[in-house]
Full PDB file with SEQRES, HELIX, SHEET, SSBOND, CRYST1, ORIGX, SCALE, CONECT and MASTER records, all heavy atoms in Angstrom:
SEQRES   1 A   39  ALA GLU ILE GLY TYR PHE LEU ASP LYS SER TYR TRP GLY          
SEQRES   2 A   39  LYS GLY TYR ALA THR GLU THR ALA SER LEU LEU ILE GLU          
SEQRES   3 A   39  TYR CYS PHE THR LYS MET ASN ILE HIS LYS VAL VAL ALA          
HELIX    1 AA1 LYS A    9  TYR A   11  5                                   3    
HELIX    2 AA2 TYR A   16  LYS A   31  1                                  16    
CRYST1    1.000    1.000    1.000  90.00  90.00  90.00 P 1           1          
ORIGX1      1.000000  0.000000  0.000000        0.00000                         
ORIGX2      0.000000  1.000000  0.000000        0.00000                         
ORIGX3      0.000000  0.000000  1.000000        0.00000                         
SCALE1      1.000000  0.000000  0.000000        0.00000                         
SCALE2      0.000000  1.000000  0.000000        0.00000                         
SCALE3      0.000000  0.000000  1.000000        0.00000                         
ATOM      1  N   ALA A   1       2.181  11.365  -1.775  1.00  0.00           N  
ATOM      2  CA  ALA A   1       2.050  10.221  -2.722  1.00  0.00           C  
ATOM      3  C   ALA A   1       0.676   9.568  -2.445  1.00  0.00           C  
ATOM      4  O   ALA A   1       0.177   9.448  -1.274  1.00  0.00           O  
ATOM      5  CB  ALA A   1       3.132   9.190  -2.538  1.00  0.00           C  
ATOM      6  N   GLU A   2       0.060   9.106  -3.573  1.00  0.00           N  
ATOM      7  CA  GLU A   2      -1.224   8.367  -3.428  1.00  0.00           C  
ATOM      8  C   GLU A   2      -0.975   6.952  -3.814  1.00  0.00           C  
ATOM      9  O   GLU A   2      -0.469   6.670  -4.905  1.00  0.00           O  
ATOM     10  CB  GLU A   2      -2.305   8.982  -4.371  1.00  0.00           C  
ATOM     11  CG  GLU A   2      -3.656   8.174  -4.195  1.00  0.00           C  
ATOM     12  CD  GLU A   2      -4.822   8.973  -4.746  1.00  0.00           C  
ATOM     13  OE1 GLU A   2      -4.668  10.083  -5.326  1.00  0.00           O  
ATOM     14  OE2 GLU A   2      -6.012   8.526  -4.403  1.00  0.00           O  
ATOM     15  N   ILE A   3      -1.354   6.086  -2.877  1.00  0.00           N  
ATOM     16  CA  ILE A   3      -1.131   4.596  -3.141  1.00  0.00           C  
ATOM     17  C   ILE A   3      -2.442   4.003  -3.701  1.00  0.00           C  
ATOM     18  O   ILE A   3      -3.519   4.588  -3.546  1.00  0.00           O  
ATOM     19  CB  ILE A   3      -0.727   3.915  -1.914  1.00  0.00           C  
ATOM     20  CG1 ILE A   3      -1.841   3.897  -0.787  1.00  0.00           C  
ATOM     21  CG2 ILE A   3       0.610   4.384  -1.378  1.00  0.00           C  
ATOM     22  CD1 ILE A   3      -1.588   3.008   0.431  1.00  0.00           C  
ATOM     23  N   GLY A   4      -2.248   2.860  -4.351  1.00  0.00           N  
ATOM     24  CA  GLY A   4      -3.363   2.067  -4.877  1.00  0.00           C  
ATOM     25  C   GLY A   4      -2.972   0.651  -4.908  1.00  0.00           C  
ATOM     26  O   GLY A   4      -1.850   0.284  -5.086  1.00  0.00           O  
ATOM     27  N   TYR A   5      -4.011  -0.203  -4.747  1.00  0.00           N  
ATOM     28  CA  TYR A   5      -3.807  -1.664  -4.757  1.00  0.00           C  
ATOM     29  C   TYR A   5      -5.011  -2.381  -5.374  1.00  0.00           C  
ATOM     30  O   TYR A   5      -6.148  -1.990  -5.135  1.00  0.00           O  
ATOM     31  CB  TYR A   5      -3.538  -2.189  -3.238  1.00  0.00           C  
ATOM     32  CG  TYR A   5      -4.436  -1.469  -2.284  1.00  0.00           C  
ATOM     33  CD1 TYR A   5      -5.719  -1.977  -1.945  1.00  0.00           C  
ATOM     34  CD2 TYR A   5      -3.953  -0.370  -1.606  1.00  0.00           C  
ATOM     35  CE1 TYR A   5      -6.479  -1.296  -1.063  1.00  0.00           C  
ATOM     36  CE2 TYR A   5      -4.775   0.341  -0.779  1.00  0.00           C  
ATOM     37  CZ  TYR A   5      -6.086  -0.163  -0.393  1.00  0.00           C  
ATOM     38  OH  TYR A   5      -6.895   0.496   0.462  1.00  0.00           O  
ATOM     39  N   PHE A   6      -4.692  -3.308  -6.211  1.00  0.00           N  
ATOM     40  CA  PHE A   6      -5.808  -4.030  -6.936  1.00  0.00           C  
ATOM     41  C   PHE A   6      -5.438  -5.481  -6.931  1.00  0.00           C  
ATOM     42  O   PHE A   6      -4.440  -5.951  -7.478  1.00  0.00           O  
ATOM     43  CB  PHE A   6      -5.836  -3.512  -8.430  1.00  0.00           C  
ATOM     44  CG  PHE A   6      -5.983  -2.012  -8.509  1.00  0.00           C  
ATOM     45  CD1 PHE A   6      -4.861  -1.169  -8.575  1.00  0.00           C  
ATOM     46  CD2 PHE A   6      -7.234  -1.455  -8.474  1.00  0.00           C  
ATOM     47  CE1 PHE A   6      -5.022   0.211  -8.642  1.00  0.00           C  
ATOM     48  CE2 PHE A   6      -7.418  -0.047  -8.450  1.00  0.00           C  
ATOM     49  CZ  PHE A   6      -6.271   0.768  -8.503  1.00  0.00           C  
ATOM     50  N   LEU A   7      -6.341  -6.186  -6.303  1.00  0.00           N  
ATOM     51  CA  LEU A   7      -6.131  -7.643  -6.130  1.00  0.00           C  
ATOM     52  C   LEU A   7      -7.254  -8.465  -6.905  1.00  0.00           C  
ATOM     53  O   LEU A   7      -8.366  -8.031  -6.902  1.00  0.00           O  
ATOM     54  CB  LEU A   7      -6.157  -8.129  -4.691  1.00  0.00           C  
ATOM     55  CG  LEU A   7      -5.065  -7.549  -3.778  1.00  0.00           C  
ATOM     56  CD1 LEU A   7      -5.374  -7.946  -2.371  1.00  0.00           C  
ATOM     57  CD2 LEU A   7      -3.732  -8.054  -4.211  1.00  0.00           C  
ATOM     58  N   ASP A   8      -6.922  -9.648  -7.459  1.00  0.00           N  
ATOM     59  CA  ASP A   8      -7.870 -10.530  -8.030  1.00  0.00           C  
ATOM     60  C   ASP A   8      -8.858 -10.874  -6.855  1.00  0.00           C  
ATOM     61  O   ASP A   8      -8.460 -11.163  -5.735  1.00  0.00           O  
ATOM     62  CB  ASP A   8      -7.134 -11.800  -8.489  1.00  0.00           C  
ATOM     63  CG  ASP A   8      -8.042 -12.777  -9.107  1.00  0.00           C  
ATOM     64  OD1 ASP A   8      -8.787 -13.471  -8.379  1.00  0.00           O  
ATOM     65  OD2 ASP A   8      -8.047 -12.857 -10.399  1.00  0.00           O  
ATOM     66  N   LYS A   9     -10.111 -10.920  -7.196  1.00  0.00           N  
ATOM     67  CA  LYS A   9     -11.209 -11.124  -6.205  1.00  0.00           C  
ATOM     68  C   LYS A   9     -10.958 -12.428  -5.384  1.00  0.00           C  
ATOM     69  O   LYS A   9     -11.345 -12.480  -4.213  1.00  0.00           O  
ATOM     70  CB  LYS A   9     -12.531 -11.224  -6.872  1.00  0.00           C  
ATOM     71  CG  LYS A   9     -13.330  -9.992  -6.888  1.00  0.00           C  
ATOM     72  CD  LYS A   9     -14.754 -10.245  -7.452  1.00  0.00           C  
ATOM     73  CE  LYS A   9     -15.497  -8.940  -7.235  1.00  0.00           C  
ATOM     74  NZ  LYS A   9     -16.800  -8.977  -7.904  1.00  0.00           N  
ATOM     75  N   SER A  10     -10.309 -13.486  -6.000  1.00  0.00           N  
ATOM     76  CA  SER A  10     -10.217 -14.691  -5.228  1.00  0.00           C  
ATOM     77  C   SER A  10      -9.228 -14.572  -4.125  1.00  0.00           C  
ATOM     78  O   SER A  10      -9.072 -15.393  -3.283  1.00  0.00           O  
ATOM     79  CB  SER A  10      -9.831 -15.838  -6.179  1.00  0.00           C  
ATOM     80  OG  SER A  10      -8.649 -15.554  -6.858  1.00  0.00           O  
ATOM     81  N   TYR A  11      -8.489 -13.440  -3.976  1.00  0.00           N  
ATOM     82  CA  TYR A  11      -7.533 -13.212  -2.958  1.00  0.00           C  
ATOM     83  C   TYR A  11      -7.913 -12.161  -1.954  1.00  0.00           C  
ATOM     84  O   TYR A  11      -7.221 -11.722  -1.089  1.00  0.00           O  
ATOM     85  CB  TYR A  11      -6.147 -12.917  -3.580  1.00  0.00           C  
ATOM     86  CG  TYR A  11      -5.605 -14.028  -4.288  1.00  0.00           C  
ATOM     87  CD1 TYR A  11      -5.768 -14.186  -5.663  1.00  0.00           C  
ATOM     88  CD2 TYR A  11      -4.903 -15.096  -3.636  1.00  0.00           C  
ATOM     89  CE1 TYR A  11      -5.319 -15.193  -6.421  1.00  0.00           C  
ATOM     90  CE2 TYR A  11      -4.488 -16.197  -4.336  1.00  0.00           C  
ATOM     91  CZ  TYR A  11      -4.607 -16.241  -5.719  1.00  0.00           C  
ATOM     92  OH  TYR A  11      -4.193 -17.291  -6.474  1.00  0.00           O  
ATOM     93  N   TRP A  12      -9.204 -11.696  -2.090  1.00  0.00           N  
ATOM     94  CA  TRP A  12      -9.674 -10.714  -1.160  1.00  0.00           C  
ATOM     95  C   TRP A  12      -9.918 -11.309   0.230  1.00  0.00           C  
ATOM     96  O   TRP A  12     -10.224 -12.518   0.360  1.00  0.00           O  
ATOM     97  CB  TRP A  12     -11.047 -10.096  -1.675  1.00  0.00           C  
ATOM     98  CG  TRP A  12     -10.945  -9.257  -2.895  1.00  0.00           C  
ATOM     99  CD1 TRP A  12      -9.795  -8.892  -3.533  1.00  0.00           C  
ATOM    100  CD2 TRP A  12     -12.035  -8.497  -3.467  1.00  0.00           C  
ATOM    101  NE1 TRP A  12     -10.171  -8.068  -4.671  1.00  0.00           N  
ATOM    102  CE2 TRP A  12     -11.464  -7.811  -4.632  1.00  0.00           C  
ATOM    103  CE3 TRP A  12     -13.369  -8.418  -3.261  1.00  0.00           C  
ATOM    104  CZ2 TRP A  12     -12.277  -7.013  -5.397  1.00  0.00           C  
ATOM    105  CZ3 TRP A  12     -14.166  -7.622  -4.039  1.00  0.00           C  
ATOM    106  CH2 TRP A  12     -13.612  -6.906  -5.155  1.00  0.00           C  
ATOM    107  N   GLY A  13      -9.803 -10.503   1.219  1.00  0.00           N  
ATOM    108  CA  GLY A  13     -10.159 -11.003   2.598  1.00  0.00           C  
ATOM    109  C   GLY A  13      -9.052 -11.877   3.213  1.00  0.00           C  
ATOM    110  O   GLY A  13      -9.354 -12.455   4.249  1.00  0.00           O  
ATOM    111  N   LYS A  14      -7.876 -11.877   2.706  1.00  0.00           N  
ATOM    112  CA  LYS A  14      -6.853 -12.730   3.154  1.00  0.00           C  
ATOM    113  C   LYS A  14      -5.642 -11.943   3.771  1.00  0.00           C  
ATOM    114  O   LYS A  14      -4.627 -12.464   4.125  1.00  0.00           O  
ATOM    115  CB  LYS A  14      -6.342 -13.668   2.081  1.00  0.00           C  
ATOM    116  CG  LYS A  14      -7.491 -14.577   1.613  1.00  0.00           C  
ATOM    117  CD  LYS A  14      -7.022 -15.513   0.500  1.00  0.00           C  
ATOM    118  CE  LYS A  14      -8.282 -16.334   0.135  1.00  0.00           C  
ATOM    119  NZ  LYS A  14      -7.987 -17.491  -0.575  1.00  0.00           N  
ATOM    120  N   GLY A  15      -5.831 -10.618   3.816  1.00  0.00           N  
ATOM    121  CA  GLY A  15      -4.729  -9.740   4.363  1.00  0.00           C  
ATOM    122  C   GLY A  15      -3.800  -9.242   3.367  1.00  0.00           C  
ATOM    123  O   GLY A  15      -2.868  -8.457   3.743  1.00  0.00           O  
ATOM    124  N   TYR A  16      -3.816  -9.684   2.189  1.00  0.00           N  
ATOM    125  CA  TYR A  16      -2.832  -9.261   1.134  1.00  0.00           C  
ATOM    126  C   TYR A  16      -2.914  -7.747   0.838  1.00  0.00           C  
ATOM    127  O   TYR A  16      -1.869  -7.118   0.669  1.00  0.00           O  
ATOM    128  CB  TYR A  16      -2.921 -10.108  -0.102  1.00  0.00           C  
ATOM    129  CG  TYR A  16      -2.759 -11.525   0.018  1.00  0.00           C  
ATOM    130  CD1 TYR A  16      -3.727 -12.505  -0.340  1.00  0.00           C  
ATOM    131  CD2 TYR A  16      -1.596 -12.032   0.695  1.00  0.00           C  
ATOM    132  CE1 TYR A  16      -3.488 -13.858  -0.225  1.00  0.00           C  
ATOM    133  CE2 TYR A  16      -1.445 -13.431   0.832  1.00  0.00           C  
ATOM    134  CZ  TYR A  16      -2.339 -14.280   0.379  1.00  0.00           C  
ATOM    135  OH  TYR A  16      -2.178 -15.637   0.541  1.00  0.00           O  
ATOM    136  N   ALA A  17      -4.068  -7.235   0.826  1.00  0.00           N  
ATOM    137  CA  ALA A  17      -4.206  -5.808   0.509  1.00  0.00           C  
ATOM    138  C   ALA A  17      -3.570  -4.941   1.649  1.00  0.00           C  
ATOM    139  O   ALA A  17      -2.911  -3.932   1.406  1.00  0.00           O  
ATOM    140  CB  ALA A  17      -5.667  -5.408   0.229  1.00  0.00           C  
ATOM    141  N   THR A  18      -3.909  -5.298   2.890  1.00  0.00           N  
ATOM    142  CA  THR A  18      -3.298  -4.583   4.003  1.00  0.00           C  
ATOM    143  C   THR A  18      -1.796  -4.710   4.000  1.00  0.00           C  
ATOM    144  O   THR A  18      -1.160  -3.712   4.247  1.00  0.00           O  
ATOM    145  CB  THR A  18      -3.918  -5.144   5.344  1.00  0.00           C  
ATOM    146  OG1 THR A  18      -5.339  -5.006   5.283  1.00  0.00           O  
ATOM    147  CG2 THR A  18      -3.373  -4.395   6.608  1.00  0.00           C  
ATOM    148  N   GLU A  19      -1.326  -5.888   3.823  1.00  0.00           N  
ATOM    149  CA  GLU A  19       0.188  -6.111   3.719  1.00  0.00           C  
ATOM    150  C   GLU A  19       0.746  -5.201   2.604  1.00  0.00           C  
ATOM    151  O   GLU A  19       1.814  -4.515   2.839  1.00  0.00           O  
ATOM    152  CB  GLU A  19       0.532  -7.592   3.520  1.00  0.00           C  
ATOM    153  CG  GLU A  19       1.981  -7.825   3.472  1.00  0.00           C  
ATOM    154  CD  GLU A  19       2.336  -9.281   3.221  1.00  0.00           C  
ATOM    155  OE1 GLU A  19       1.394 -10.187   3.034  1.00  0.00           O  
ATOM    156  OE2 GLU A  19       3.543  -9.625   3.146  1.00  0.00           O  
ATOM    157  N   THR A  20       0.157  -5.228   1.503  1.00  0.00           N  
ATOM    158  CA  THR A  20       0.602  -4.476   0.360  1.00  0.00           C  
ATOM    159  C   THR A  20       0.572  -3.039   0.577  1.00  0.00           C  
ATOM    160  O   THR A  20       1.587  -2.264   0.412  1.00  0.00           O  
ATOM    161  CB  THR A  20      -0.197  -4.796  -0.912  1.00  0.00           C  
ATOM    162  OG1 THR A  20      -0.047  -6.203  -1.231  1.00  0.00           O  
ATOM    163  CG2 THR A  20       0.268  -3.958  -2.082  1.00  0.00           C  
ATOM    164  N   ALA A  21      -0.530  -2.487   1.119  1.00  0.00           N  
ATOM    165  CA  ALA A  21      -0.641  -1.055   1.405  1.00  0.00           C  
ATOM    166  C   ALA A  21       0.354  -0.655   2.481  1.00  0.00           C  
ATOM    167  O   ALA A  21       0.977   0.436   2.356  1.00  0.00           O  
ATOM    168  CB  ALA A  21      -2.046  -0.785   1.877  1.00  0.00           C  
ATOM    169  N   SER A  22       0.522  -1.421   3.429  1.00  0.00           N  
ATOM    170  CA  SER A  22       1.561  -1.159   4.496  1.00  0.00           C  
ATOM    171  C   SER A  22       2.995  -1.042   3.927  1.00  0.00           C  
ATOM    172  O   SER A  22       3.715  -0.124   4.315  1.00  0.00           O  
ATOM    173  CB  SER A  22       1.583  -2.213   5.619  1.00  0.00           C  
ATOM    174  OG  SER A  22       0.337  -2.226   6.357  1.00  0.00           O  
ATOM    175  N   LEU A  23       3.262  -1.936   3.059  1.00  0.00           N  
ATOM    176  CA  LEU A  23       4.612  -1.908   2.354  1.00  0.00           C  
ATOM    177  C   LEU A  23       4.763  -0.626   1.541  1.00  0.00           C  
ATOM    178  O   LEU A  23       5.831  -0.015   1.469  1.00  0.00           O  
ATOM    179  CB  LEU A  23       4.833  -3.132   1.557  1.00  0.00           C  
ATOM    180  CG  LEU A  23       5.060  -4.426   2.399  1.00  0.00           C  
ATOM    181  CD1 LEU A  23       5.070  -5.659   1.491  1.00  0.00           C  
ATOM    182  CD2 LEU A  23       6.366  -4.314   3.174  1.00  0.00           C  
ATOM    183  N   LEU A  24       3.699  -0.294   0.790  1.00  0.00           N  
ATOM    184  CA  LEU A  24       3.780   0.925  -0.007  1.00  0.00           C  
ATOM    185  C   LEU A  24       3.973   2.167   0.821  1.00  0.00           C  
ATOM    186  O   LEU A  24       4.791   3.035   0.460  1.00  0.00           O  
ATOM    187  CB  LEU A  24       2.469   1.034  -0.873  1.00  0.00           C  
ATOM    188  CG  LEU A  24       2.209   0.075  -1.995  1.00  0.00           C  
ATOM    189  CD1 LEU A  24       0.801   0.144  -2.541  1.00  0.00           C  
ATOM    190  CD2 LEU A  24       3.306   0.267  -3.095  1.00  0.00           C  
ATOM    191  N   ILE A  25       3.262   2.245   1.899  1.00  0.00           N  
ATOM    192  CA  ILE A  25       3.413   3.442   2.819  1.00  0.00           C  
ATOM    193  C   ILE A  25       4.818   3.471   3.378  1.00  0.00           C  
ATOM    194  O   ILE A  25       5.467   4.516   3.336  1.00  0.00           O  
ATOM    195  CB  ILE A  25       2.382   3.261   4.000  1.00  0.00           C  
ATOM    196  CG1 ILE A  25       0.901   3.497   3.453  1.00  0.00           C  
ATOM    197  CG2 ILE A  25       2.667   4.326   5.064  1.00  0.00           C  
ATOM    198  CD1 ILE A  25      -0.189   3.165   4.390  1.00  0.00           C  
ATOM    199  N   GLU A  26       5.347   2.353   3.763  1.00  0.00           N  
ATOM    200  CA  GLU A  26       6.669   2.234   4.277  1.00  0.00           C  
ATOM    201  C   GLU A  26       7.699   2.750   3.258  1.00  0.00           C  
ATOM    202  O   GLU A  26       8.628   3.550   3.535  1.00  0.00           O  
ATOM    203  CB  GLU A  26       7.046   0.839   4.780  1.00  0.00           C  
ATOM    204  CG  GLU A  26       8.425   0.738   5.300  1.00  0.00           C  
ATOM    205  CD  GLU A  26       8.771  -0.714   5.806  1.00  0.00           C  
ATOM    206  OE1 GLU A  26       7.849  -1.563   5.790  1.00  0.00           O  
ATOM    207  OE2 GLU A  26       9.894  -0.909   6.182  1.00  0.00           O  
ATOM    208  N   TYR A  27       7.541   2.197   2.074  1.00  0.00           N  
ATOM    209  CA  TYR A  27       8.483   2.636   0.988  1.00  0.00           C  
ATOM    210  C   TYR A  27       8.428   4.132   0.711  1.00  0.00           C  
ATOM    211  O   TYR A  27       9.475   4.703   0.561  1.00  0.00           O  
ATOM    212  CB  TYR A  27       8.098   1.804  -0.297  1.00  0.00           C  
ATOM    213  CG  TYR A  27       9.051   1.953  -1.412  1.00  0.00           C  
ATOM    214  CD1 TYR A  27      10.128   1.083  -1.564  1.00  0.00           C  
ATOM    215  CD2 TYR A  27       8.984   3.029  -2.419  1.00  0.00           C  
ATOM    216  CE1 TYR A  27      11.059   1.189  -2.537  1.00  0.00           C  
ATOM    217  CE2 TYR A  27       9.911   3.059  -3.386  1.00  0.00           C  
ATOM    218  CZ  TYR A  27      10.943   2.172  -3.492  1.00  0.00           C  
ATOM    219  OH  TYR A  27      11.847   2.343  -4.533  1.00  0.00           O  
ATOM    220  N   CYS A  28       7.202   4.635   0.624  1.00  0.00           N  
ATOM    221  CA  CYS A  28       7.110   6.108   0.454  1.00  0.00           C  
ATOM    222  C   CYS A  28       7.752   6.925   1.448  1.00  0.00           C  
ATOM    223  O   CYS A  28       8.501   7.892   1.165  1.00  0.00           O  
ATOM    224  CB  CYS A  28       5.571   6.492   0.386  1.00  0.00           C  
ATOM    225  SG  CYS A  28       4.771   5.948  -1.184  1.00  0.00           S  
ATOM    226  N   PHE A  29       7.644   6.508   2.800  1.00  0.00           N  
ATOM    227  CA  PHE A  29       8.242   7.331   3.782  1.00  0.00           C  
ATOM    228  C   PHE A  29       9.768   7.024   3.954  1.00  0.00           C  
ATOM    229  O   PHE A  29      10.510   7.942   4.228  1.00  0.00           O  
ATOM    230  CB  PHE A  29       7.515   6.964   5.137  1.00  0.00           C  
ATOM    231  CG  PHE A  29       6.211   7.550   5.271  1.00  0.00           C  
ATOM    232  CD1 PHE A  29       5.212   6.799   5.984  1.00  0.00           C  
ATOM    233  CD2 PHE A  29       5.828   8.750   4.739  1.00  0.00           C  
ATOM    234  CE1 PHE A  29       3.889   7.305   6.107  1.00  0.00           C  
ATOM    235  CE2 PHE A  29       4.621   9.244   4.849  1.00  0.00           C  
ATOM    236  CZ  PHE A  29       3.607   8.529   5.543  1.00  0.00           C  
ATOM    237  N   THR A  30      10.218   5.873   3.684  1.00  0.00           N  
ATOM    238  CA  THR A  30      11.593   5.513   3.926  1.00  0.00           C  
ATOM    239  C   THR A  30      12.561   5.733   2.741  1.00  0.00           C  
ATOM    240  O   THR A  30      13.738   6.001   2.840  1.00  0.00           O  
ATOM    241  CB  THR A  30      11.818   4.120   4.495  1.00  0.00           C  
ATOM    242  OG1 THR A  30      11.367   3.182   3.480  1.00  0.00           O  
ATOM    243  CG2 THR A  30      11.093   3.923   5.749  1.00  0.00           C  
ATOM    244  N   LYS A  31      12.020   5.612   1.557  1.00  0.00           N  
ATOM    245  CA  LYS A  31      12.799   5.685   0.333  1.00  0.00           C  
ATOM    246  C   LYS A  31      12.522   6.877  -0.569  1.00  0.00           C  
ATOM    247  O   LYS A  31      13.395   7.248  -1.390  1.00  0.00           O  
ATOM    248  CB  LYS A  31      12.603   4.420  -0.591  1.00  0.00           C  
ATOM    249  CG  LYS A  31      12.823   3.051   0.155  1.00  0.00           C  
ATOM    250  CD  LYS A  31      14.242   2.900   0.468  1.00  0.00           C  
ATOM    251  CE  LYS A  31      14.445   1.418   0.975  1.00  0.00           C  
ATOM    252  NZ  LYS A  31      15.635   1.274   1.767  1.00  0.00           N  
ATOM    253  N   MET A  32      11.401   7.547  -0.452  1.00  0.00           N  
ATOM    254  CA  MET A  32      10.992   8.564  -1.440  1.00  0.00           C  
ATOM    255  C   MET A  32      10.941   9.952  -0.786  1.00  0.00           C  
ATOM    256  O   MET A  32      10.489  10.846  -1.485  1.00  0.00           O  
ATOM    257  CB  MET A  32       9.609   8.165  -2.016  1.00  0.00           C  
ATOM    258  CG  MET A  32       9.640   6.879  -2.770  1.00  0.00           C  
ATOM    259  SD  MET A  32      10.879   6.686  -4.076  1.00  0.00           S  
ATOM    260  CE  MET A  32      10.234   7.997  -5.226  1.00  0.00           C  
ATOM    261  N   ASN A  33      11.278  10.179   0.461  1.00  0.00           N  
ATOM    262  CA  ASN A  33      11.189  11.459   1.052  1.00  0.00           C  
ATOM    263  C   ASN A  33       9.760  12.059   1.011  1.00  0.00           C  
ATOM    264  O   ASN A  33       9.578  13.275   0.725  1.00  0.00           O  
ATOM    265  CB  ASN A  33      12.212  12.421   0.459  1.00  0.00           C  
ATOM    266  CG  ASN A  33      12.300  13.750   1.329  1.00  0.00           C  
ATOM    267  OD1 ASN A  33      12.168  13.719   2.522  1.00  0.00           O  
ATOM    268  ND2 ASN A  33      12.528  14.901   0.688  1.00  0.00           N  
ATOM    269  N   ILE A  34       8.836  11.239   1.291  1.00  0.00           N  
ATOM    270  CA  ILE A  34       7.393  11.647   1.271  1.00  0.00           C  
ATOM    271  C   ILE A  34       7.014  11.908   2.712  1.00  0.00           C  
ATOM    272  O   ILE A  34       7.433  11.282   3.650  1.00  0.00           O  
ATOM    273  CB  ILE A  34       6.513  10.542   0.671  1.00  0.00           C  
ATOM    274  CG1 ILE A  34       6.897  10.233  -0.729  1.00  0.00           C  
ATOM    275  CG2 ILE A  34       5.051  10.771   0.876  1.00  0.00           C  
ATOM    276  CD1 ILE A  34       6.652  11.350  -1.758  1.00  0.00           C  
ATOM    277  N   HIS A  35       6.210  12.954   2.950  1.00  0.00           N  
ATOM    278  CA  HIS A  35       5.751  13.335   4.291  1.00  0.00           C  
ATOM    279  C   HIS A  35       4.302  12.970   4.541  1.00  0.00           C  
ATOM    280  O   HIS A  35       3.878  12.926   5.685  1.00  0.00           O  
ATOM    281  CB  HIS A  35       6.035  14.758   4.640  1.00  0.00           C  
ATOM    282  CG  HIS A  35       5.034  15.747   4.027  1.00  0.00           C  
ATOM    283  ND1 HIS A  35       5.120  16.222   2.784  1.00  0.00           N  
ATOM    284  CD2 HIS A  35       3.806  16.227   4.495  1.00  0.00           C  
ATOM    285  CE1 HIS A  35       4.056  17.023   2.495  1.00  0.00           C  
ATOM    286  NE2 HIS A  35       3.237  17.004   3.477  1.00  0.00           N  
ATOM    287  N   LYS A  36       3.615  12.673   3.467  1.00  0.00           N  
ATOM    288  CA  LYS A  36       2.159  12.204   3.613  1.00  0.00           C  
ATOM    289  C   LYS A  36       1.766  11.213   2.477  1.00  0.00           C  
ATOM    290  O   LYS A  36       2.162  11.408   1.373  1.00  0.00           O  
ATOM    291  CB  LYS A  36       1.252  13.492   3.482  1.00  0.00           C  
ATOM    292  CG  LYS A  36      -0.228  13.125   3.655  1.00  0.00           C  
ATOM    293  CD  LYS A  36      -1.005  14.555   3.530  1.00  0.00           C  
ATOM    294  CE  LYS A  36      -2.523  14.222   3.658  1.00  0.00           C  
ATOM    295  NZ  LYS A  36      -3.246  15.412   3.636  1.00  0.00           N  
ATOM    296  N   VAL A  37       1.085  10.194   2.858  1.00  0.00           N  
ATOM    297  CA  VAL A  37       0.565   9.176   1.910  1.00  0.00           C  
ATOM    298  C   VAL A  37      -0.959   9.247   2.019  1.00  0.00           C  
ATOM    299  O   VAL A  37      -1.520   9.209   3.115  1.00  0.00           O  
ATOM    300  CB  VAL A  37       1.117   7.870   2.229  1.00  0.00           C  
ATOM    301  CG1 VAL A  37       0.446   6.760   1.305  1.00  0.00           C  
ATOM    302  CG2 VAL A  37       2.616   7.732   2.084  1.00  0.00           C  
ATOM    303  N   VAL A  38      -1.605   9.259   0.835  1.00  0.00           N  
ATOM    304  CA  VAL A  38      -3.069   9.259   0.801  1.00  0.00           C  
ATOM    305  C   VAL A  38      -3.501   8.064  -0.026  1.00  0.00           C  
ATOM    306  O   VAL A  38      -2.768   7.465  -0.815  1.00  0.00           O  
ATOM    307  CB  VAL A  38      -3.649  10.489   0.193  1.00  0.00           C  
ATOM    308  CG1 VAL A  38      -3.252  11.736   1.101  1.00  0.00           C  
ATOM    309  CG2 VAL A  38      -3.210  10.764  -1.255  1.00  0.00           C  
ATOM    310  N   ALA A  39      -4.785   7.713   0.122  1.00  0.00           N  
ATOM    311  CA  ALA A  39      -5.395   6.671  -0.592  1.00  0.00           C  
ATOM    312  C   ALA A  39      -6.914   6.946  -0.734  1.00  0.00           C  
ATOM    313  O   ALA A  39      -7.403   7.672   0.083  1.00  0.00           O  
ATOM    314  CB  ALA A  39      -5.158   5.317  -0.023  1.00  0.00           C  
TER     315      ALA A  39                                                      
MASTER        0    0    0    2    0    0    0    6  314    1    0    3          
END                                                                             
């Protein structure tokens, strides 16, 4: 699976993208039977 994340510029640099990407990766591995995640 390929993940993507797009945040409004005013929210950059606050850790939201990292938190979001981490959750997407976890979801792919735990719920979708994915063995590799790319971005």
